[in-house]
C-alpha atoms as a PDB file:
ATOM      1  CA  MET A   1      39.191  13.937 -25.971  1.00  0.00           C
ATOM      2  CA  ILE A   2      35.873  15.822 -26.615  1.00  0.00           C
ATOM      3  CA  GLU A   3      34.006  12.700 -27.535  1.00  0.00           C
ATOM      4  CA  LYS A   4      34.999  11.412 -24.093  1.00  0.00           C
ATOM      5  CA  LEU A   5      33.880  14.537 -22.226  1.00  0.00           C
ATOM      6  CA  VAL A   6      30.681  14.476 -24.110  1.00  0.00           C
ATOM      7  CA  ALA A   7      30.160  10.765 -23.268  1.00  0.00           C
ATOM      8  CA  GLU A   8      30.875  11.329 -19.397  1.00  0.00           C
ATOM      9  CA  LEU A   9      28.438  14.415 -19.440  1.00  0.00           C
ATOM     10  CA  GLU A  10      25.707  12.324 -20.822  1.00  0.00           C
ATOM     11  CA  LYS A  11      26.315   9.439 -18.446  1.00  0.00           C
ATOM     12  CA  GLN A  12      26.423  12.097 -15.615  1.00  0.00           C
ATOM     13  CA  SER A  13      22.970  13.446 -16.973  1.00  0.00           C
ATOM     14  CA  ASN A  14      21.446  10.144 -17.188  1.00  0.00           C
ATOM     15  CA  ALA A  15      22.427   9.494 -13.626  1.00  0.00           C
ATOM     16  CA  TYR A  16      20.678  12.755 -12.444  1.00  0.00           C
ATOM     17  CA  ASP A  17      17.787  11.675 -14.513  1.00  0.00           C
ATOM     18  CA  HIS A  18      17.476   8.496 -12.625  1.00  0.00           C
ATOM     19  CA  ILE A  19      17.663  10.169  -9.431  1.00  0.00           C
ATOM     20  CA  ALA A  20      15.126  12.705 -10.304  1.00  0.00           C
ATOM     21  CA  GLU A  21      12.922   9.778 -11.530  1.00  0.00           C
ATOM     22  CA  LEU A  22      13.186   8.048  -7.842  1.00  0.00           C
ATOM     23  CA  TYR A  23      12.833  11.229  -5.746  1.00  0.00           C
ATOM     24  CA  GLY A  24      10.962  13.776  -7.650  1.00  0.00           C
ATOM     25  CA  PHE A  25       7.395  13.013  -6.008  1.00  0.00           C
ATOM     26  CA  LEU A  26       8.980  13.210  -2.759  1.00  0.00           C
ATOM     27  CA  LEU A  27       9.621  17.023  -3.495  1.00  0.00           C
ATOM     28  CA  GLN A  28       6.376  17.836  -4.837  1.00  0.00           C
ATOM     29  CA  LEU A  29       4.213  16.732  -1.828  1.00  0.00           C
ATOM     30  CA  LYS A  30       0.974  16.986  -3.833  1.00  0.00           C
ATOM     31  CA  VAL A  31       0.018  13.463  -4.865  1.00  0.00           C
ATOM     32  CA  ILE A  32       1.506  10.288  -3.635  1.00  0.00           C
ATOM     33  CA  ASP A  33       2.337   7.900  -6.675  1.00  0.00           C
ATOM     34  CA  GLU A  34       1.904   4.713  -4.995  1.00  0.00           C
ATOM     35  CA  ILE A  35       3.928   3.179  -7.925  1.00  0.00           C
ATOM     36  CA  GLU A  36       6.840   5.479  -7.234  1.00  0.00           C
ATOM     37  CA  VAL A  37       6.803   4.959  -3.670  1.00  0.00           C
ATOM     38  CA  LYS A  38       7.183   1.193  -4.299  1.00  0.00           C
ATOM     39  CA  LYS A  39       9.805   1.724  -6.787  1.00  0.00           C
ATOM     40  CA  LEU A  40      11.829   3.762  -4.163  1.00  0.00           C
ATOM     41  CA  VAL A  41      11.286   1.135  -1.370  1.00  0.00           C
ATOM     42  CA  GLU A  42      12.338  -1.676  -3.608  1.00  0.00           C
ATOM     43  CA  THR A  43      15.522   0.246  -4.615  1.00  0.00           C
ATOM     44  CA  TYR A  44      16.532   1.105  -1.132  1.00  0.00           C
ATOM     45  CA  SER A  45      14.846  -1.997   0.518  1.00  0.00           C
ATOM     46  CA  THR A  46      17.770  -2.337   3.274  1.00  0.00           C
ATOM     47  CA  ASP A  47      16.974   0.960   4.499  1.00  0.00           C
ATOM     48  CA  LEU A  48      13.210   1.730   3.551  1.00  0.00           C
ATOM     49  CA  ASP A  49      10.099  -0.430   4.028  1.00  0.00           C
ATOM     50  CA  ASP A  50       6.543  -0.454   2.863  1.00  0.00           C
ATOM     51  CA  ASN A  51       5.541   2.075   5.729  1.00  0.00           C
ATOM     52  CA  LEU A  52       6.874   4.864   3.375  1.00  0.00           C
ATOM     53  CA  LEU A  53       3.638   4.946   1.720  1.00  0.00           C
ATOM     54  CA  PHE A  54       1.642   5.306   4.977  1.00  0.00           C
ATOM     55  CA  GLU A  55       4.064   7.715   6.477  1.00  0.00           C
ATOM     56  CA  LEU A  56       3.878  10.038   3.475  1.00  0.00           C
ATOM     57  CA  GLU A  57      -0.112   9.777   3.517  1.00  0.00           C
ATOM     58  CA  GLN A  58       0.427  11.390   7.056  1.00  0.00           C
ATOM     59  CA  PHE A  59       3.181  13.656   6.462  1.00  0.00           C
ATOM     60  CA  ILE A  60       2.353  15.501   3.529  1.00  0.00           C
ATOM     61  CA  PRO A  61      -1.108  17.091   5.110  1.00  0.00           C
ATOM     62  CA  LEU A  62       0.965  17.735   8.444  1.00  0.00           C
ATOM     63  CA  ILE A  63       3.386  19.866   6.312  1.00  0.00           C
ATOM     64  CA  ARG A  64       0.985  21.465   4.108  1.00  0.00           C
ATOM     65  CA  ASN A  65      -1.074  22.650   6.947  1.00  0.00           C
ATOM     66  CA  GLN A  66       1.719  24.478   8.693  1.00  0.00           C
ATOM     67  CA  THR A  67       0.767  27.955   9.722  1.00  0.00           C
ATOM     68  CA  THR A  68       4.121  28.981  11.575  1.00  0.00           C
ATOM     69  CA  GLY A  69       7.598  28.188  11.010  1.00  0.00           C
ATOM     70  CA  ALA A  70       9.346  27.360   7.682  1.00  0.00           C
ATOM     71  CA  PHE A  71       6.696  26.570   5.572  1.00  0.00           C
ATOM     72  CA  SER A  72       4.398  29.214   6.556  1.00  0.00           C
ATOM     73  CA  SER A  73       5.833  31.928   4.492  1.00  0.00           C
ATOM     74  CA  ARG A  74       3.828  30.523   1.434  1.00  0.00           C
ATOM     75  CA  SER A  75       0.575  32.382   0.839  1.00  0.00           C
ATOM     76  CA  GLN A  76      -2.450  30.339   0.171  1.00  0.00           C
ATOM     77  CA  ASP A  77      -2.676  31.977  -3.217  1.00  0.00           C
ATOM     78  CA  GLU A  78       0.816  31.034  -4.066  1.00  0.00           C
ATOM     79  CA  GLU A  79       0.515  27.379  -2.986  1.00  0.00           C
ATOM     80  CA  LYS A  80      -2.584  27.046  -5.188  1.00  0.00           C
ATOM     81  CA  GLU A  81      -0.862  28.521  -8.193  1.00  0.00           C
ATOM     82  CA  LYS A  82       2.045  25.945  -8.101  1.00  0.00           C
ATOM     83  CA  ASP A  83       3.162  22.578  -6.607  1.00  0.00           C
ATOM     84  CA  LEU A  84       4.596  22.667  -3.169  1.00  0.00           C
ATOM     85  CA  SER A  85       8.002  21.956  -3.947  1.00  0.00           C
ATOM     86  CA  LEU A  86      10.397  21.912  -1.199  1.00  0.00           C
ATOM     87  CA  ASN A  87      14.080  21.942  -0.410  1.00  0.00           C
ATOM     88  CA  PRO A  88      15.016  18.442   0.944  1.00  0.00           C
ATOM     89  CA  LEU A  89      17.316  19.848   3.771  1.00  0.00           C
ATOM     90  CA  MET A  90      14.590  22.227   4.747  1.00  0.00           C
ATOM     91  CA  ILE A  91      11.975  19.420   5.319  1.00  0.00           C
ATOM     92  CA  LEU A  92      14.862  17.235   7.147  1.00  0.00           C
ATOM     93  CA  ASN A  93      15.626  20.186   9.527  1.00  0.00           C
ATOM     94  CA  TRP A  94      11.997  20.922  10.085  1.00  0.00           C
ATOM     95  CA  ILE A  95      11.243  17.125  10.903  1.00  0.00           C
ATOM     96  CA  ASP A  96      14.334  17.556  13.350  1.00  0.00           C
ATOM     97  CA  LYS A  97      13.194  20.734  14.819  1.00  0.00           C
ATOM     98  CA  MET A  98       9.649  19.226  15.441  1.00  0.00           C
ATOM     99  CA  ASP A  99      11.184  16.213  17.047  1.00  0.00           C
ATOM    100  CA  ILE A 100       9.093  13.765  14.841  1.00  0.00           C
ATOM    101  CA  VAL A 101      11.963  11.569  13.377  1.00  0.00           C
ATOM    102  CA  ASP A 102      10.578   8.537  14.896  1.00  0.00           C
ATOM    103  CA  LEU A 103       7.126   9.239  13.567  1.00  0.00           C
ATOM    104  CA  PHE A 104       8.431   9.600  10.024  1.00  0.00           C
ATOM    105  CA  SER A 105      11.644   7.545   9.898  1.00  0.00           C
ATOM    106  CA  ASN A 106      11.255   6.360   6.421  1.00  0.00           C
ATOM    107  CA  VAL A 107      10.375   9.606   4.974  1.00  0.00           C
ATOM    108  CA  TYR A 108      13.419  11.096   6.843  1.00  0.00           C
ATOM    109  CA  ILE A 109      15.612   8.322   5.416  1.00  0.00           C
ATOM    110  CA  ALA A 110      14.471   8.835   1.983  1.00  0.00           C
ATOM    111  CA  LEU A 111      15.096  12.586   2.101  1.00  0.00           C
ATOM    112  CA  GLN A 112      18.572  12.042   3.367  1.00  0.00           C
ATOM    113  CA  TYR A 113      19.172   9.923   0.009  1.00  0.00           C
ATOM    114  CA  GLN A 114      17.739  12.914  -1.921  1.00  0.00           C
END
């Protein structure tokens, strides 16, 4: 019984590792890893397209340069000291609030999978 539980926990852990590997770059919003983006697009090719890379190139500076709203509470020093790591739900809500879903549709879809 315990061996089965351990095996199931390891299986679950491996699944979480796989998800983190696919989506980790989306939450750091520091450097766009073209290989990681392509891997994500290939994995979800029915929902995402190659424009995800271009959208991220525009989206990351946009979200990093916010001076008001959900992302403005970070100080410049705080942002420099560590990566800008955000909650996917926070980003999705911000995209909705700013009414830019159509501009960043692939980013929006990818974050929903997260």
